[in-house]
Amino acid sequence: REGEFDFYAGSVGVSDPNYDGAISYLFEFDPPPIPSGNENYVVRIAE
């Protein structure tokens, strides 16, 4: 949230093949690693 960095290096374990969980992490985490902005990623994922 403080945002004092350029990139975040994280990981999502492949031992749990939960693609929806990975998508949720990337786009719906607070704050999201990939912000939705004008692209409406969160809305598209809900659809």
All heavy atoms as atom14 arrays in JSON, in Angstrom:
{
  "sequence": "REGEFDFYAGSVGVSDPNYDGAISYLFEFDPPPIPSGNENYVVRIAE",
  "atom14_mask": [
    [1, 1, 1, 1, 1, 1, 1, 1, 1, 1, 1, 0, 0, 0],
    [1, 1, 1, 1, 1, 1, 1, 1, 1, 0, 0, 0, 0, 0],
    [1, 1, 1, 1, 0, 0, 0, 0, 0, 0, 0, 0, 0, 0],
    [1, 1, 1, 1, 1, 1, 1, 1, 1, 0, 0, 0, 0, 0],
    [1, 1, 1, 1, 1, 1, 1, 1, 1, 1, 1, 0, 0, 0],
    [1, 1, 1, 1, 1, 1, 1, 1, 0, 0, 0, 0, 0, 0],
    [1, 1, 1, 1, 1, 1, 1, 1, 1, 1, 1, 0, 0, 0],
    [1, 1, 1, 1, 1, 1, 1, 1, 1, 1, 1, 1, 0, 0],
    [1, 1, 1, 1, 1, 0, 0, 0, 0, 0, 0, 0, 0, 0],
    [1, 1, 1, 1, 0, 0, 0, 0, 0, 0, 0, 0, 0, 0],
    [1, 1, 1, 1, 1, 1, 0, 0, 0, 0, 0, 0, 0, 0],
    [1, 1, 1, 1, 1, 1, 1, 0, 0, 0, 0, 0, 0, 0],
    [1, 1, 1, 1, 0, 0, 0, 0, 0, 0, 0, 0, 0, 0],
    [1, 1, 1, 1, 1, 1, 1, 0, 0, 0, 0, 0, 0, 0],
    [1, 1, 1, 1, 1, 1, 0, 0, 0, 0, 0, 0, 0, 0],
    [1, 1, 1, 1, 1, 1, 1, 1, 0, 0, 0, 0, 0, 0],
    [1, 1, 1, 1, 1, 1, 1, 0, 0, 0, 0, 0, 0, 0],
    [1, 1, 1, 1, 1, 1, 1, 1, 0, 0, 0, 0, 0, 0],
    [1, 1, 1, 1, 1, 1, 1, 1, 1, 1, 1, 1, 0, 0],
    [1, 1, 1, 1, 1, 1, 1, 1, 0, 0, 0, 0, 0, 0],
    [1, 1, 1, 1, 0, 0, 0, 0, 0, 0, 0, 0, 0, 0],
    [1, 1, 1, 1, 1, 0, 0, 0, 0, 0, 0, 0, 0, 0],
    [1, 1, 1, 1, 1, 1, 1, 1, 0, 0, 0, 0, 0, 0],
    [1, 1, 1, 1, 1, 1, 0, 0, 0, 0, 0, 0, 0, 0],
    [1, 1, 1, 1, 1, 1, 1, 1, 1, 1, 1, 1, 0, 0],
    [1, 1, 1, 1, 1, 1, 1, 1, 0, 0, 0, 0, 0, 0],
    [1, 1, 1, 1, 1, 1, 1, 1, 1, 1, 1, 0, 0, 0],
    [1, 1, 1, 1, 1, 1, 1, 1, 1, 0, 0, 0, 0, 0],
    [1, 1, 1, 1, 1, 1, 1, 1, 1, 1, 1, 0, 0, 0],
    [1, 1, 1, 1, 1, 1, 1, 1, 0, 0, 0, 0, 0, 0],
    [1, 1, 1, 1, 1, 1, 1, 0, 0, 0, 0, 0, 0, 0],
    [1, 1, 1, 1, 1, 1, 1, 0, 0, 0, 0, 0, 0, 0],
    [1, 1, 1, 1, 1, 1, 1, 0, 0, 0, 0, 0, 0, 0],
    [1, 1, 1, 1, 1, 1, 1, 1, 0, 0, 0, 0, 0, 0],
    [1, 1, 1, 1, 1, 1, 1, 0, 0, 0, 0, 0, 0, 0],
    [1, 1, 1, 1, 1, 1, 0, 0, 0, 0, 0, 0, 0, 0],
    [1, 1, 1, 1, 0, 0, 0, 0, 0, 0, 0, 0, 0, 0],
    [1, 1, 1, 1, 1, 1, 1, 1, 0, 0, 0, 0, 0, 0],
    [1, 1, 1, 1, 1, 1, 1, 1, 1, 0, 0, 0, 0, 0],
    [1, 1, 1, 1, 1, 1, 1, 1, 0, 0, 0, 0, 0, 0],
    [1, 1, 1, 1, 1, 1, 1, 1, 1, 1, 1, 1, 0, 0],
    [1, 1, 1, 1, 1, 1, 1, 0, 0, 0, 0, 0, 0, 0],
    [1, 1, 1, 1, 1, 1, 1, 0, 0, 0, 0, 0, 0, 0],
    [1, 1, 1, 1, 1, 1, 1, 1, 1, 1, 1, 0, 0, 0],
    [1, 1, 1, 1, 1, 1, 1, 1, 0, 0, 0, 0, 0, 0],
    [1, 1, 1, 1, 1, 0, 0, 0, 0, 0, 0, 0, 0, 0],
    [1, 1, 1, 1, 1, 1, 1, 1, 1, 0, 0, 0, 0, 0]
  ],
  "atom14_positions": [
    [[0.82, -1.21, 0.0], [0.0, 0.0, 0.0], [0.85, 1.26, 0.0], [0.49, 2.27, -0.61], [-0.93, 0.0, 1.2], [-2.1, -0.94, 1.04], [-3.17, -0.69, 2.09], [-4.24, -1.64, 1.89], [-4.62, -2.55, 2.77], [-4.05, -2.6, 3.95], [-5.6, -3.37, 2.49], [0.0, 0.0, 0.0], [0.0, 0.0, 0.0], [0.0, 0.0, 0.0]],
    [[1.99, 1.21, 0.7], [2.87, 2.38, 0.75], [3.46, 2.69, -0.62], [3.72, 3.84, -0.94], [3.98, 2.16, 1.78], [3.49, 2.19, 3.2], [4.56, 1.82, 4.22], [5.75, 1.77, 3.84], [4.2, 1.59, 5.39], [0.0, 0.0, 0.0], [0.0, 0.0, 0.0], [0.0, 0.0, 0.0], [0.0, 0.0, 0.0], [0.0, 0.0, 0.0]],
    [[3.67, 1.66, -1.43], [4.09, 1.86, -2.81], [5.5, 2.35, -3.03], [5.81, 2.88, -4.08], [0.0, 0.0, 0.0], [0.0, 0.0, 0.0], [0.0, 0.0, 0.0], [0.0, 0.0, 0.0], [0.0, 0.0, 0.0], [0.0, 0.0, 0.0], [0.0, 0.0, 0.0], [0.0, 0.0, 0.0], [0.0, 0.0, 0.0], [0.0, 0.0, 0.0]],
    [[6.39, 2.19, -2.07], [7.76, 2.69, -2.21], [8.67, 1.64, -2.86], [9.64, 1.18, -2.26], [8.31, 3.09, -0.84], [7.59, 4.27, -0.21], [7.74, 5.55, -1.03], [8.84, 5.8, -1.54], [6.74, 6.27, -1.16], [0.0, 0.0, 0.0], [0.0, 0.0, 0.0], [0.0, 0.0, 0.0], [0.0, 0.0, 0.0], [0.0, 0.0, 0.0]],
    [[8.34, 1.24, -4.08], [9.13, 0.26, -4.81], [8.7, 0.32, -6.27], [7.67, 0.92, -6.6], [8.9, -1.16, -4.25], [7.46, -1.6, -4.3], [6.98, -2.35, -5.36], [6.58, -1.26, -3.28], [5.66, -2.75, -5.42], [5.25, -1.65, -3.33], [4.79, -2.4, -4.4], [0.0, 0.0, 0.0], [0.0, 0.0, 0.0], [0.0, 0.0, 0.0]],
    [[9.51, -0.28, -7.15], [9.18, -0.27, -8.58], [8.44, -1.54, -9.01], [7.51, -1.49, -9.8], [10.46, -0.12, -9.41], [11.16, 1.2, -9.13], [10.49, 2.25, -9.27], [12.33, 1.19, -8.75], [0.0, 0.0, 0.0], [0.0, 0.0, 0.0], [0.0, 0.0, 0.0], [0.0, 0.0, 0.0], [0.0, 0.0, 0.0], [0.0, 0.0, 0.0]],
    [[8.9, -2.68, -8.48], [8.29, -3.96, -8.82], [8.14, -4.8, -7.56], [8.9, -4.63, -6.61], [9.15, -4.76, -9.82], [9.28, -4.1, -11.15], [10.44, -3.42, -11.49], [8.25, -4.16, -12.08], [10.58, -2.81, -12.71], [8.38, -3.54, -13.3], [9.54, -2.87, -13.63], [0.0, 0.0, 0.0], [0.0, 0.0, 0.0], [0.0, 0.0, 0.0]],
    [[7.17, -5.7, -7.58], [7.02, -6.66, -6.49], [7.31, -8.04, -7.04], [6.7, -8.47, -8.02], [5.6, -6.6, -5.9], [5.3, -7.77, -4.99], [6.03, -7.94, -3.81], [4.31, -8.68, -5.31], [5.77, -9.02, -2.99], [4.05, -9.75, -4.48], [4.79, -9.92, -3.31], [4.54, -10.99, -2.49], [0.0, 0.0, 0.0], [0.0, 0.0, 0.0]],
    [[8.24, -8.75, -6.43], [8.55, -10.12, -6.82], [7.83, -11.04, -5.83], [8.16, -11.08, -4.65], [10.05, -10.37, -6.79], [0.0, 0.0, 0.0], [0.0, 0.0, 0.0], [0.0, 0.0, 0.0], [0.0, 0.0, 0.0], [0.0, 0.0, 0.0], [0.0, 0.0, 0.0], [0.0, 0.0, 0.0], [0.0, 0.0, 0.0], [0.0, 0.0, 0.0]],
    [[6.83, -11.73, -6.31], [6.06, -12.64, -5.46], [5.92, -13.97, -6.13], [6.5, -14.21, -7.19], [0.0, 0.0, 0.0], [0.0, 0.0, 0.0], [0.0, 0.0, 0.0], [0.0, 0.0, 0.0], [0.0, 0.0, 0.0], [0.0, 0.0, 0.0], [0.0, 0.0, 0.0], [0.0, 0.0, 0.0], [0.0, 0.0, 0.0], [0.0, 0.0, 0.0]],
    [[5.17, -14.84, -5.54], [4.96, -16.15, -6.15], [3.6, -16.69, -5.8], [3.02, -16.36, -4.77], [6.04, -17.14, -5.69], [5.9, -17.4, -4.31], [0.0, 0.0, 0.0], [0.0, 0.0, 0.0], [0.0, 0.0, 0.0], [0.0, 0.0, 0.0], [0.0, 0.0, 0.0], [0.0, 0.0, 0.0], [0.0, 0.0, 0.0], [0.0, 0.0, 0.0]],
    [[3.09, -17.48, -6.7], [1.86, -18.23, -6.48], [2.24, -19.68, -6.68], [2.72, -20.05, -7.74], [0.75, -17.82, -7.49], [-0.49, -18.66, -7.28], [0.43, -16.34, -7.34], [0.0, 0.0, 0.0], [0.0, 0.0, 0.0], [0.0, 0.0, 0.0], [0.0, 0.0, 0.0], [0.0, 0.0, 0.0], [0.0, 0.0, 0.0], [0.0, 0.0, 0.0]],
    [[2.08, -20.48, -5.66], [2.52, -21.87, -5.73], [1.78, -22.67, -6.78], [0.56, -22.56, -6.92], [0.0, 0.0, 0.0], [0.0, 0.0, 0.0], [0.0, 0.0, 0.0], [0.0, 0.0, 0.0], [0.0, 0.0, 0.0], [0.0, 0.0, 0.0], [0.0, 0.0, 0.0], [0.0, 0.0, 0.0], [0.0, 0.0, 0.0], [0.0, 0.0, 0.0]],
    [[2.51, -23.5, -7.53], [1.88, -24.32, -8.55], [1.35, -25.63, -7.98], [0.74, -26.41, -8.69], [2.84, -24.64, -9.71], [3.25, -23.37, -10.41], [4.06, -25.4, -9.21], [0.0, 0.0, 0.0], [0.0, 0.0, 0.0], [0.0, 0.0, 0.0], [0.0, 0.0, 0.0], [0.0, 0.0, 0.0], [0.0, 0.0, 0.0], [0.0, 0.0, 0.0]],
    [[1.56, -25.86, -6.67], [1.04, -27.09, -6.09], [-0.48, -27.02, -5.95], [-1.15, -28.01, -5.77], [1.69, -27.35, -4.74], [1.5, -26.24, -3.88], [0.0, 0.0, 0.0], [0.0, 0.0, 0.0], [0.0, 0.0, 0.0], [0.0, 0.0, 0.0], [0.0, 0.0, 0.0], [0.0, 0.0, 0.0], [0.0, 0.0, 0.0], [0.0, 0.0, 0.0]],
    [[-1.05, -25.82, -6.04], [-2.49, -25.65, -6.01], [-2.92, -25.09, -7.36], [-2.77, -23.9, -7.62], [-2.89, -24.68, -4.9], [-4.39, -24.44, -4.85], [-5.14, -25.18, -5.52], [-4.81, -23.52, -4.14], [0.0, 0.0, 0.0], [0.0, 0.0, 0.0], [0.0, 0.0, 0.0], [0.0, 0.0, 0.0], [0.0, 0.0, 0.0], [0.0, 0.0, 0.0]],
    [[-3.41, -25.95, -8.27], [-3.75, -25.47, -9.61], [-5.05, -24.68, -9.64], [-5.99, -25.0, -10.35], [-3.86, -26.78, -10.41], [-4.32, -27.78, -9.4], [-3.68, -27.36, -8.1], [0.0, 0.0, 0.0], [0.0, 0.0, 0.0], [0.0, 0.0, 0.0], [0.0, 0.0, 0.0], [0.0, 0.0, 0.0], [0.0, 0.0, 0.0], [0.0, 0.0, 0.0]],
    [[-5.11, -23.63, -8.84], [-6.32, -22.82, -8.73], [-6.11, -21.53, -9.53], [-5.69, -20.52, -9.0], [-6.56, -22.52, -7.24], [-7.73, -21.59, -7.01], [-8.42, -21.21, -7.95], [-7.94, -21.2, -5.78], [0.0, 0.0, 0.0], [0.0, 0.0, 0.0], [0.0, 0.0, 0.0], [0.0, 0.0, 0.0], [0.0, 0.0, 0.0], [0.0, 0.0, 0.0]],
    [[-6.38, -21.6, -10.83], [-6.15, -20.42, -11.67], [-7.01, -19.25, -11.24], [-6.6, -18.1, -11.32], [-6.37, -20.75, -13.16], [-7.8, -21.07, -13.5], [-8.69, -20.07, -13.82], [-8.26, -22.38, -13.48], [-10.02, -20.36, -14.1], [-9.57, -22.68, -13.76], [-10.45, -21.68, -14.07], [-11.75, -21.97, -14.35], [0.0, 0.0, 0.0], [0.0, 0.0, 0.0]],
    [[-8.22, -19.53, -10.74], [-9.1, -18.44, -10.32], [-8.5, -17.71, -9.11], [-8.56, -16.49, -9.02], [-10.49, -18.97, -9.99], [-11.49, -17.85, -9.79], [-11.48, -16.88, -10.57], [-12.29, -17.94, -8.82], [0.0, 0.0, 0.0], [0.0, 0.0, 0.0], [0.0, 0.0, 0.0], [0.0, 0.0, 0.0], [0.0, 0.0, 0.0], [0.0, 0.0, 0.0]],
    [[-7.86, -18.46, -8.23], [-7.2, -17.84, -7.09], [-6.04, -16.97, -7.52], [-5.82, -15.88, -6.98], [0.0, 0.0, 0.0], [0.0, 0.0, 0.0], [0.0, 0.0, 0.0], [0.0, 0.0, 0.0], [0.0, 0.0, 0.0], [0.0, 0.0, 0.0], [0.0, 0.0, 0.0], [0.0, 0.0, 0.0], [0.0, 0.0, 0.0], [0.0, 0.0, 0.0]],
    [[-5.27, -17.45, -8.51], [-4.15, -16.66, -9.02], [-4.65, -15.39, -9.71], [-4.09, -14.31, -9.52], [-3.32, -17.5, -9.99], [0.0, 0.0, 0.0], [0.0, 0.0, 0.0], [0.0, 0.0, 0.0], [0.0, 0.0, 0.0], [0.0, 0.0, 0.0], [0.0, 0.0, 0.0], [0.0, 0.0, 0.0], [0.0, 0.0, 0.0], [0.0, 0.0, 0.0]],
    [[-5.71, -15.51, -10.49], [-6.31, -14.35, -11.15], [-6.8, -13.35, -10.1], [-6.58, -12.14, -10.21], [-7.49, -14.77, -12.06], [-6.99, -15.6, -13.23], [-8.3, -13.58, -12.52], [-6.32, -14.81, -14.31], [0.0, 0.0, 0.0], [0.0, 0.0, 0.0], [0.0, 0.0, 0.0], [0.0, 0.0, 0.0], [0.0, 0.0, 0.0], [0.0, 0.0, 0.0]],
    [[-7.46, -13.87, -9.07], [-7.96, -13.01, -8.0], [-6.81, -12.28, -7.33], [-6.89, -11.07, -7.06], [-8.72, -13.85, -6.97], [-9.2, -13.02, -5.94], [0.0, 0.0, 0.0], [0.0, 0.0, 0.0], [0.0, 0.0, 0.0], [0.0, 0.0, 0.0], [0.0, 0.0, 0.0], [0.0, 0.0, 0.0], [0.0, 0.0, 0.0], [0.0, 0.0, 0.0]],
    [[-5.71, -12.98, -7.08], [-4.55, -12.35, -6.46], [-4.0, -11.21, -7.34], [-3.74, -10.12, -6.86], [-3.45, -13.39, -6.2], [-2.13, -12.77, -5.81], [-1.93, -12.27, -4.53], [-1.12, -12.63, -6.74], [-0.73, -11.68, -4.17], [0.09, -12.03, -6.39], [0.27, -11.56, -5.1], [1.45, -10.97, -4.77], [0.0, 0.0, 0.0], [0.0, 0.0, 0.0]],
    [[-3.86, -11.48, -8.63], [-3.26, -10.49, -9.53], [-4.11, -9.24, -9.71], [-3.58, -8.13, -9.8], [-3.0, -11.12, -10.9], [-1.91, -12.17, -10.97], [-1.92, -12.85, -12.33], [-0.56, -11.56, -10.68], [0.0, 0.0, 0.0], [0.0, 0.0, 0.0], [0.0, 0.0, 0.0], [0.0, 0.0, 0.0], [0.0, 0.0, 0.0], [0.0, 0.0, 0.0]],
    [[-5.44, -9.41, -9.76], [-6.3, -8.29, -10.12], [-7.18, -7.78, -8.99], [-7.67, -6.65, -9.06], [-7.2, -8.68, -11.31], [-6.42, -8.96, -12.57], [-6.07, -10.25, -12.92], [-6.03, -7.93, -13.4], [-5.36, -10.51, -14.08], [-5.31, -8.18, -14.56], [-4.97, -9.47, -14.9], [0.0, 0.0, 0.0], [0.0, 0.0, 0.0], [0.0, 0.0, 0.0]],
    [[-7.41, -8.6, -7.94], [-8.36, -8.21, -6.9], [-7.74, -8.04, -5.52], [-8.43, -7.66, -4.58], [-9.5, -9.24, -6.83], [-10.28, -9.32, -8.12], [-11.27, -10.47, -8.17], [-11.01, -11.52, -7.54], [-12.29, -10.32, -8.84], [0.0, 0.0, 0.0], [0.0, 0.0, 0.0], [0.0, 0.0, 0.0], [0.0, 0.0, 0.0], [0.0, 0.0, 0.0]],
    [[-6.46, -8.33, -5.38], [-5.77, -8.13, -4.11], [-5.83, -6.65, -3.77], [-6.0, -5.81, -4.66], [-4.31, -8.6, -4.28], [-3.53, -8.69, -3.0], [-3.73, -9.76, -2.13], [-2.58, -7.74, -2.68], [-2.99, -9.86, -0.96], [-1.84, -7.84, -1.51], [-2.05, -8.9, -0.65], [0.0, 0.0, 0.0], [0.0, 0.0, 0.0], [0.0, 0.0, 0.0]],
    [[-5.68, -6.29, -2.5], [-5.75, -4.89, -2.11], [-4.42, -4.43, -1.54], [-4.1, -4.79, -0.41], [-6.85, -4.68, -1.08], [-7.02, -3.22, -0.69], [-6.66, -2.34, -1.51], [-7.48, -2.96, 0.43], [0.0, 0.0, 0.0], [0.0, 0.0, 0.0], [0.0, 0.0, 0.0], [0.0, 0.0, 0.0], [0.0, 0.0, 0.0], [0.0, 0.0, 0.0]],
    [[-3.62, -3.64, -2.27], [-3.83, -3.17, -3.63], [-3.45, -4.25, -4.63], [-2.61, -5.11, -4.35], [-2.85, -1.98, -3.74], [-1.74, -2.36, -2.82], [-2.37, -3.13, -1.68], [0.0, 0.0, 0.0], [0.0, 0.0, 0.0], [0.0, 0.0, 0.0], [0.0, 0.0, 0.0], [0.0, 0.0, 0.0], [0.0, 0.0, 0.0], [0.0, 0.0, 0.0]],
    [[-4.05, -4.22, -5.81], [-3.78, -5.28, -6.8], [-2.41, -5.11, -7.46], [-2.02, -3.99, -7.78], [-4.89, -5.09, -7.82], [-5.25, -3.64, -7.74], [-5.04, -3.26, -6.29], [0.0, 0.0, 0.0], [0.0, 0.0, 0.0], [0.0, 0.0, 0.0], [0.0, 0.0, 0.0], [0.0, 0.0, 0.0], [0.0, 0.0, 0.0], [0.0, 0.0, 0.0]],
    [[-1.67, -6.21, -7.63], [-0.42, -6.11, -8.41], [-0.65, -5.54, -9.8], [0.2, -4.85, -10.34], [0.07, -7.56, -8.47], [-0.5, -8.2, -7.26], [-1.86, -7.54, -7.08], [0.0, 0.0, 0.0], [0.0, 0.0, 0.0], [0.0, 0.0, 0.0], [0.0, 0.0, 0.0], [0.0, 0.0, 0.0], [0.0, 0.0, 0.0], [0.0, 0.0, 0.0]],
    [[-1.82, -5.84, -10.38], [-2.17, -5.28, -11.69], [-3.46, -4.47, -11.52], [-4.55, -5.03, -11.42], [-2.38, -6.39, -12.74], [-1.09, -7.2, -12.89], [-2.8, -5.78, -14.08], [-1.21, -8.38, -13.82], [0.0, 0.0, 0.0], [0.0, 0.0, 0.0], [0.0, 0.0, 0.0], [0.0, 0.0, 0.0], [0.0, 0.0, 0.0], [0.0, 0.0, 0.0]],
    [[-3.35, -3.15, -11.46], [-4.56, -2.33, -11.29], [-5.45, -2.37, -12.52], [-4.98, -2.47, -13.65], [-4.01, -0.93, -11.05], [-2.61, -0.95, -11.54], [-2.13, -2.37, -11.52], [0.0, 0.0, 0.0], [0.0, 0.0, 0.0], [0.0, 0.0, 0.0], [0.0, 0.0, 0.0], [0.0, 0.0, 0.0], [0.0, 0.0, 0.0], [0.0, 0.0, 0.0]],
    [[-6.75, -2.33, -12.29], [-7.73, -2.45, -13.37], [-7.76, -1.21, -14.27], [-7.85, -1.31, -15.48], [-9.12, -2.71, -12.79], [-9.9, -3.42, -13.69], [0.0, 0.0, 0.0], [0.0, 0.0, 0.0], [0.0, 0.0, 0.0], [0.0, 0.0, 0.0], [0.0, 0.0, 0.0], [0.0, 0.0, 0.0], [0.0, 0.0, 0.0], [0.0, 0.0, 0.0]],
    [[-7.69, -0.04, -13.65], [-7.69, 1.2, -14.44], [-8.86, 1.27, -15.4], [-9.96, 0.83, -15.1], [0.0, 0.0, 0.0], [0.0, 0.0, 0.0], [0.0, 0.0, 0.0], [0.0, 0.0, 0.0], [0.0, 0.0, 0.0], [0.0, 0.0, 0.0], [0.0, 0.0, 0.0], [0.0, 0.0, 0.0], [0.0, 0.0, 0.0], [0.0, 0.0, 0.0]],
    [[-8.6, 1.81, -16.59], [-9.65, 1.93, -17.6], [-9.92, 0.64, -18.35], [-10.82, 0.58, -19.18], [-9.27, 3.02, -18.62], [-9.21, 4.39, -17.98], [-9.91, 4.66, -17.02], [-8.36, 5.25, -18.51], [0.0, 0.0, 0.0], [0.0, 0.0, 0.0], [0.0, 0.0, 0.0], [0.0, 0.0, 0.0], [0.0, 0.0, 0.0], [0.0, 0.0, 0.0]],
    [[-9.13, -0.39, -18.06], [-9.26, -1.65, -18.79], [-10.37, -2.54, -18.24], [-10.71, -3.55, -18.84], [-7.93, -2.41, -18.78], [-6.77, -1.62, -19.33], [-7.01, -1.13, -20.74], [-7.55, -1.87, -21.58], [-6.65, 0.03, -21.02], [0.0, 0.0, 0.0], [0.0, 0.0, 0.0], [0.0, 0.0, 0.0], [0.0, 0.0, 0.0], [0.0, 0.0, 0.0]],
    [[-10.89, -2.21, -17.07], [-11.98, -2.97, -16.45], [-11.66, -4.46, -16.28], [-12.52, -5.31, -16.49], [-13.28, -2.81, -17.26], [-13.77, -1.38, -17.24], [-13.71, -0.71, -16.21], [-14.22, -0.9, -18.38], [0.0, 0.0, 0.0], [0.0, 0.0, 0.0], [0.0, 0.0, 0.0], [0.0, 0.0, 0.0], [0.0, 0.0, 0.0], [0.0, 0.0, 0.0]],
    [[-10.44, -4.77, -15.9], [-10.06, -6.17, -15.72], [-10.96, -6.86, -14.7], [-11.39, -7.99, -14.91], [-8.6, -6.29, -15.27], [-7.59, -5.78, -16.28], [-6.56, -4.94, -15.88], [-7.65, -6.15, -17.62], [-5.61, -4.48, -16.79], [-6.72, -5.69, -18.53], [-5.71, -4.85, -18.11], [-4.78, -4.4, -19.01], [0.0, 0.0, 0.0], [0.0, 0.0, 0.0]],
    [[-11.25, -6.18, -13.58], [-12.06, -6.79, -12.53], [-13.46, -7.1, -13.03], [-14.02, -8.16, -12.75], [-12.09, -5.87, -11.28], [-13.05, -6.39, -10.24], [-10.69, -5.74, -10.69], [0.0, 0.0, 0.0], [0.0, 0.0, 0.0], [0.0, 0.0, 0.0], [0.0, 0.0, 0.0], [0.0, 0.0, 0.0], [0.0, 0.0, 0.0], [0.0, 0.0, 0.0]],
    [[-14.03, -6.18, -13.8], [-15.37, -6.41, -14.37], [-15.33, -7.58, -15.34], [-16.23, -8.44, -15.34], [-15.87, -5.12, -15.09], [-17.17, -5.39, -15.84], [-16.04, -4.0, -14.08], [0.0, 0.0, 0.0], [0.0, 0.0, 0.0], [0.0, 0.0, 0.0], [0.0, 0.0, 0.0], [0.0, 0.0, 0.0], [0.0, 0.0, 0.0], [0.0, 0.0, 0.0]],
    [[-14.3, -7.65, -16.16], [-14.18, -8.75, -17.13], [-14.0, -10.1, -16.43], [-14.53, -11.12, -16.88], [-13.03, -8.47, -18.09], [-13.33, -7.28, -19.0], [-12.14, -6.82, -19.8], [-11.59, -7.89, -20.61], [-10.41, -7.82, -21.21], [-9.65, -6.76, -21.07], [-9.97, -8.82, -21.94], [0.0, 0.0, 0.0], [0.0, 0.0, 0.0], [0.0, 0.0, 0.0]],
    [[-13.26, -10.1, -15.33], [-13.09, -11.34, -14.57], [-14.42, -11.78, -13.96], [-14.76, -12.96, -13.97], [-12.0, -11.16, -13.49], [-10.63, -11.03, -14.16], [-12.02, -12.29, -12.48], [-9.54, -10.53, -13.25], [0.0, 0.0, 0.0], [0.0, 0.0, 0.0], [0.0, 0.0, 0.0], [0.0, 0.0, 0.0], [0.0, 0.0, 0.0], [0.0, 0.0, 0.0]],
    [[-15.18, -10.83, -13.46], [-16.51, -11.15, -12.91], [-17.4, -11.75, -13.99], [-18.15, -12.71, -13.73], [-17.14, -9.9, -12.31], [0.0, 0.0, 0.0], [0.0, 0.0, 0.0], [0.0, 0.0, 0.0], [0.0, 0.0, 0.0], [0.0, 0.0, 0.0], [0.0, 0.0, 0.0], [0.0, 0.0, 0.0], [0.0, 0.0, 0.0], [0.0, 0.0, 0.0]],
    [[-17.32, -11.21, -15.2], [-18.1, -11.76, -16.31], [-17.65, -13.17, -16.66], [-18.46, -14.05, -16.95], [-17.99, -10.85, -17.55], [-18.76, -9.56, -17.44], [-20.26, -9.78, -17.27], [-20.84, -10.62, -18.0], [-20.84, -9.14, -16.37], [0.0, 0.0, 0.0], [0.0, 0.0, 0.0], [0.0, 0.0, 0.0], [0.0, 0.0, 0.0], [0.0, 0.0, 0.0]]
  ]
}
